[in-house]
Amino acid sequence: MTDREPATRRSTAIGEAKAGERIVRRHLDRLVEARHQLGPRAVEARLLLDGSSFDQGLVVEGADRDDVEIVGLERLDHGH
């Protein structure tokens, strides 16, 4: 365990998981806002979206961004 205070710890990832709901741009926007609200300690945090159904535009955008990871059920089940 670290002895650093919670407010000084760095956030490395922020995520959202949805079962039975299509993940769309607004889900990513919420994660971007959460990272912004966390301030300097989260500036490099990766944004993780986990689910069974994704908007195709979001998948394309996620593939173009280094800070976004789209994790579908196949990857969760098989680790790919």
N, C-alpha and C. Protein backbone atom coordinates (compact mmCIF):
# COMPACT_ATOMS: atom_id res chain seq x y z
N MET A 1 0.82 -1.18 0.00
CA MET A 1 0.00 0.00 0.00
C MET A 1 0.87 1.25 0.00
N THR A 2 0.36 2.24 -0.60
CA THR A 2 1.06 3.52 -0.63
C THR A 2 0.65 4.36 0.57
N ASP A 3 1.54 5.21 1.00
CA ASP A 3 1.21 6.09 2.12
C ASP A 3 0.81 7.48 1.63
N ARG A 4 0.70 7.64 0.32
CA ARG A 4 0.27 8.93 -0.23
C ARG A 4 -1.20 9.15 0.06
N GLU A 5 -1.56 10.40 0.23
CA GLU A 5 -2.96 10.77 0.44
C GLU A 5 -3.74 10.52 -0.85
N PRO A 6 -5.03 10.15 -0.76
CA PRO A 6 -5.83 9.91 -1.96
C PRO A 6 -5.79 11.06 -2.96
N ALA A 7 -5.78 12.28 -2.49
CA ALA A 7 -5.79 13.44 -3.40
C ALA A 7 -4.50 13.59 -4.18
N THR A 8 -3.43 12.91 -3.77
CA THR A 8 -2.16 13.03 -4.49
C THR A 8 -1.91 11.83 -5.40
N ARG A 9 -2.76 10.84 -5.35
CA ARG A 9 -2.59 9.66 -6.20
C ARG A 9 -2.95 9.98 -7.63
N ARG A 10 -2.28 9.32 -8.55
CA ARG A 10 -2.53 9.51 -9.98
C ARG A 10 -3.58 8.51 -10.46
N SER A 11 -4.51 8.95 -11.26
CA SER A 11 -5.50 8.06 -11.88
C SER A 11 -4.96 7.63 -13.23
N THR A 12 -4.89 6.32 -13.46
CA THR A 12 -4.36 5.82 -14.73
C THR A 12 -5.45 5.43 -15.71
N ALA A 13 -6.67 5.20 -15.22
CA ALA A 13 -7.77 4.83 -16.11
C ALA A 13 -9.10 5.22 -15.48
N ILE A 14 -10.03 5.59 -16.34
CA ILE A 14 -11.40 5.89 -15.95
C ILE A 14 -12.28 5.12 -16.92
N GLY A 15 -13.26 4.40 -16.41
CA GLY A 15 -14.04 3.57 -17.30
C GLY A 15 -15.52 3.56 -17.02
N GLU A 16 -16.24 3.04 -18.01
CA GLU A 16 -17.68 2.85 -17.90
C GLU A 16 -18.02 1.54 -18.57
N ALA A 17 -18.84 0.74 -17.89
CA ALA A 17 -19.28 -0.54 -18.43
C ALA A 17 -20.80 -0.54 -18.50
N LYS A 18 -21.32 -1.05 -19.59
CA LYS A 18 -22.78 -1.11 -19.78
C LYS A 18 -23.15 -2.48 -20.32
N ALA A 19 -24.14 -3.08 -19.70
CA ALA A 19 -24.70 -4.33 -20.21
C ALA A 19 -26.11 -4.02 -20.71
N GLY A 20 -26.38 -4.39 -21.93
CA GLY A 20 -27.71 -4.17 -22.47
C GLY A 20 -27.99 -2.76 -22.94
N GLU A 21 -26.97 -1.95 -23.04
CA GLU A 21 -27.14 -0.57 -23.53
C GLU A 21 -26.06 -0.29 -24.57
N ARG A 22 -26.45 0.31 -25.67
CA ARG A 22 -25.50 0.67 -26.72
C ARG A 22 -24.63 1.83 -26.23
N ILE A 23 -23.32 1.68 -26.33
CA ILE A 23 -22.40 2.73 -25.91
C ILE A 23 -22.20 3.69 -27.07
N VAL A 24 -22.47 4.96 -26.81
CA VAL A 24 -22.42 6.00 -27.84
C VAL A 24 -21.49 7.13 -27.38
N ARG A 25 -21.40 8.15 -28.20
CA ARG A 25 -20.50 9.27 -27.96
C ARG A 25 -20.70 9.93 -26.58
N ARG A 26 -21.93 10.02 -26.11
CA ARG A 26 -22.15 10.69 -24.82
C ARG A 26 -21.46 9.95 -23.67
N HIS A 27 -21.31 8.63 -23.80
CA HIS A 27 -20.58 7.88 -22.76
C HIS A 27 -19.11 8.31 -22.73
N LEU A 28 -18.52 8.47 -23.90
CA LEU A 28 -17.14 8.94 -23.97
C LEU A 28 -17.04 10.37 -23.46
N ASP A 29 -18.00 11.20 -23.83
CA ASP A 29 -17.99 12.59 -23.37
C ASP A 29 -18.02 12.67 -21.84
N ARG A 30 -18.79 11.79 -21.21
CA ARG A 30 -18.85 11.78 -19.73
C ARG A 30 -17.49 11.41 -19.13
N LEU A 31 -16.81 10.46 -19.76
CA LEU A 31 -15.48 10.08 -19.26
C LEU A 31 -14.48 11.21 -19.44
N VAL A 32 -14.55 11.89 -20.57
CA VAL A 32 -13.66 13.04 -20.81
C VAL A 32 -13.92 14.10 -19.74
N GLU A 33 -15.17 14.37 -19.43
CA GLU A 33 -15.51 15.36 -18.41
C GLU A 33 -15.04 14.90 -17.02
N ALA A 34 -15.20 13.63 -16.72
CA ALA A 34 -14.73 13.11 -15.42
C ALA A 34 -13.22 13.28 -15.29
N ARG A 35 -12.50 12.98 -16.37
CA ARG A 35 -11.04 13.15 -16.35
C ARG A 35 -10.69 14.62 -16.13
N HIS A 36 -11.41 15.49 -16.80
CA HIS A 36 -11.17 16.93 -16.63
C HIS A 36 -11.43 17.35 -15.18
N GLN A 37 -12.51 16.87 -14.59
CA GLN A 37 -12.86 17.23 -13.21
C GLN A 37 -11.83 16.72 -12.20
N LEU A 38 -11.18 15.61 -12.50
CA LEU A 38 -10.14 15.08 -11.60
C LEU A 38 -8.86 15.91 -11.65
N GLY A 39 -8.73 16.71 -12.69
CA GLY A 39 -7.60 17.64 -12.77
C GLY A 39 -6.28 16.99 -13.13
N PRO A 40 -5.18 17.60 -12.70
CA PRO A 40 -3.83 17.18 -13.10
C PRO A 40 -3.51 15.72 -12.78
N ARG A 41 -4.10 15.18 -11.75
CA ARG A 41 -3.77 13.80 -11.39
C ARG A 41 -4.35 12.77 -12.36
N ALA A 42 -5.24 13.20 -13.26
CA ALA A 42 -5.85 12.27 -14.21
C ALA A 42 -5.61 12.67 -15.66
N VAL A 43 -4.77 13.64 -15.89
CA VAL A 43 -4.59 14.18 -17.24
C VAL A 43 -4.16 13.10 -18.25
N GLU A 44 -3.45 12.08 -17.80
CA GLU A 44 -3.00 11.02 -18.71
C GLU A 44 -3.83 9.74 -18.59
N ALA A 45 -4.92 9.78 -17.87
CA ALA A 45 -5.75 8.59 -17.66
C ALA A 45 -6.36 8.11 -18.98
N ARG A 46 -6.29 6.80 -19.20
CA ARG A 46 -6.95 6.20 -20.36
C ARG A 46 -8.44 6.12 -20.08
N LEU A 47 -9.23 6.21 -21.13
CA LEU A 47 -10.69 6.15 -21.02
C LEU A 47 -11.14 4.79 -21.55
N LEU A 48 -11.77 4.00 -20.68
CA LEU A 48 -12.16 2.63 -21.02
C LEU A 48 -13.68 2.53 -21.15
N LEU A 49 -14.13 1.99 -22.26
CA LEU A 49 -15.55 1.77 -22.52
C LEU A 49 -15.76 0.27 -22.71
N ASP A 50 -16.51 -0.35 -21.82
CA ASP A 50 -16.76 -1.78 -21.86
C ASP A 50 -18.23 -2.04 -22.11
N GLY A 51 -18.53 -2.94 -23.05
CA GLY A 51 -19.92 -3.25 -23.30
C GLY A 51 -20.12 -4.28 -24.38
N SER A 52 -21.38 -4.50 -24.72
CA SER A 52 -21.72 -5.50 -25.73
C SER A 52 -22.10 -4.88 -27.06
N SER A 53 -22.39 -3.57 -27.07
CA SER A 53 -22.83 -2.92 -28.30
C SER A 53 -22.29 -1.49 -28.34
N PHE A 54 -21.65 -1.15 -29.46
CA PHE A 54 -21.03 0.16 -29.60
C PHE A 54 -21.48 0.84 -30.89
N ASP A 55 -21.67 2.15 -30.82
CA ASP A 55 -21.92 2.95 -32.01
C ASP A 55 -20.68 2.86 -32.91
N GLN A 56 -20.88 2.62 -34.20
CA GLN A 56 -19.75 2.43 -35.11
C GLN A 56 -18.86 3.67 -35.19
N GLY A 57 -19.44 4.85 -35.15
CA GLY A 57 -18.64 6.08 -35.16
C GLY A 57 -17.73 6.17 -33.94
N LEU A 58 -18.22 5.72 -32.80
CA LEU A 58 -17.42 5.71 -31.59
C LEU A 58 -16.27 4.72 -31.71
N VAL A 59 -16.52 3.57 -32.31
CA VAL A 59 -15.46 2.57 -32.51
C VAL A 59 -14.36 3.15 -33.39
N VAL A 60 -14.75 3.84 -34.46
CA VAL A 60 -13.76 4.46 -35.36
C VAL A 60 -12.97 5.52 -34.61
N GLU A 61 -13.66 6.38 -33.88
CA GLU A 61 -12.97 7.42 -33.12
C GLU A 61 -12.03 6.82 -32.08
N GLY A 62 -12.50 5.80 -31.38
CA GLY A 62 -11.67 5.15 -30.37
C GLY A 62 -10.40 4.57 -30.96
N ALA A 63 -10.49 4.02 -32.18
CA ALA A 63 -9.32 3.46 -32.84
C ALA A 63 -8.31 4.54 -33.21
N ASP A 64 -8.78 5.75 -33.41
CA ASP A 64 -7.90 6.86 -33.79
C ASP A 64 -7.29 7.59 -32.60
N ARG A 65 -7.74 7.27 -31.39
CA ARG A 65 -7.27 7.98 -30.20
C ARG A 65 -6.41 7.07 -29.33
N ASP A 66 -5.30 7.60 -28.86
CA ASP A 66 -4.41 6.84 -27.98
C ASP A 66 -4.94 6.74 -26.56
N ASP A 67 -5.87 7.59 -26.18
CA ASP A 67 -6.36 7.63 -24.80
C ASP A 67 -7.67 6.88 -24.59
N VAL A 68 -8.19 6.22 -25.64
CA VAL A 68 -9.48 5.52 -25.55
C VAL A 68 -9.28 4.04 -25.85
N GLU A 69 -9.92 3.21 -25.04
CA GLU A 69 -9.88 1.76 -25.25
C GLU A 69 -11.32 1.25 -25.26
N ILE A 70 -11.71 0.63 -26.39
CA ILE A 70 -13.04 0.03 -26.53
C ILE A 70 -12.89 -1.46 -26.23
N VAL A 71 -13.64 -1.95 -25.26
CA VAL A 71 -13.52 -3.35 -24.85
C VAL A 71 -14.88 -4.02 -25.01
N GLY A 72 -14.99 -4.85 -26.04
CA GLY A 72 -16.23 -5.57 -26.29
C GLY A 72 -16.27 -6.90 -25.55
N LEU A 73 -17.42 -7.56 -25.62
CA LEU A 73 -17.59 -8.84 -24.92
C LEU A 73 -16.60 -9.89 -25.38
N GLU A 74 -16.30 -9.94 -26.68
CA GLU A 74 -15.36 -10.93 -27.18
C GLU A 74 -14.01 -10.78 -26.49
N ARG A 75 -13.57 -9.56 -26.36
CA ARG A 75 -12.29 -9.31 -25.70
C ARG A 75 -12.35 -9.69 -24.22
N LEU A 76 -13.46 -9.38 -23.57
CA LEU A 76 -13.61 -9.76 -22.16
C LEU A 76 -13.62 -11.27 -21.99
N ASP A 77 -14.31 -11.96 -22.92
CA ASP A 77 -14.42 -13.42 -22.83
C ASP A 77 -13.13 -14.14 -23.21
N HIS A 78 -12.42 -13.60 -24.22
CA HIS A 78 -11.28 -14.32 -24.77
C HIS A 78 -9.95 -13.59 -24.60
N GLY A 79 -9.96 -12.38 -24.10
CA GLY A 79 -8.72 -11.66 -23.87
C GLY A 79 -8.05 -11.10 -25.11
N HIS A 80 -8.78 -10.93 -26.19
CA HIS A 80 -8.18 -10.39 -27.43
C HIS A 80 -8.40 -8.92 -27.54
